[in-house]
Amino acid sequence: PNIAAVKFFAAEVMPLLRTILPGVKFLVYGSNVPPDIEALAGDDVVIKGYVAEVSEMFDTCRVFVAPLLTGAGMKGKVLDCIAAGIPSVLSPIAAEGVGLREGIDCIIARKPADWAEGIARIYKDEAAWKAMSASAHELARKLYSFESGVAQLSDALDTIEFYGHNE
């Protein structure tokens, strides 16, 4: 799924971004980069490969993209992204199951033009960037913090009448 996503983005979205955001770079992270992805490398498609700490990735990016075309379930890197407060543009598949609100916590893009316009809007508009960053942080705190996990587990144990869990 990640290979297809990178190929799609490089071929369909980057040509549009080159026009509306000259100089913007698409940084590709991930382990075991295959030769066909390495071949996409250029001035504005930068194959970074594996990073030991995802914070390294978030510390250098203004907008996170996850152009997944296939897949299921929650996407760990999307959760990492919202926890870091990085505004994101995601495919519907990348956003599914996370609880993100389109236009508030992220932008959901369906067509190449949606991707380019969404990225450009967040990239250029500091107020929009800050608002989406704050909203993503708040969503992560509400839904995915340690405290939220403890409360959800407590509720689940109450549901099955497991009374010893509070002792």
Foldseek 3Di string as FASTA:
>chain_A
DQVVQLVCCLPQQVVVLCVLPNPAAAEAEEAPDDPVLVVSDDSRYHDPYYDPDCVVVVVPDQEAEARDPDDADADPVVLVCLLQLREYEYAPRNPPPLPDDDQQQYHHDDHSVSVSVRVSCLVPDVVSSVRNSVRSNVSCVCCPDPVNVVVVVVVVCVVVPVPVPVD
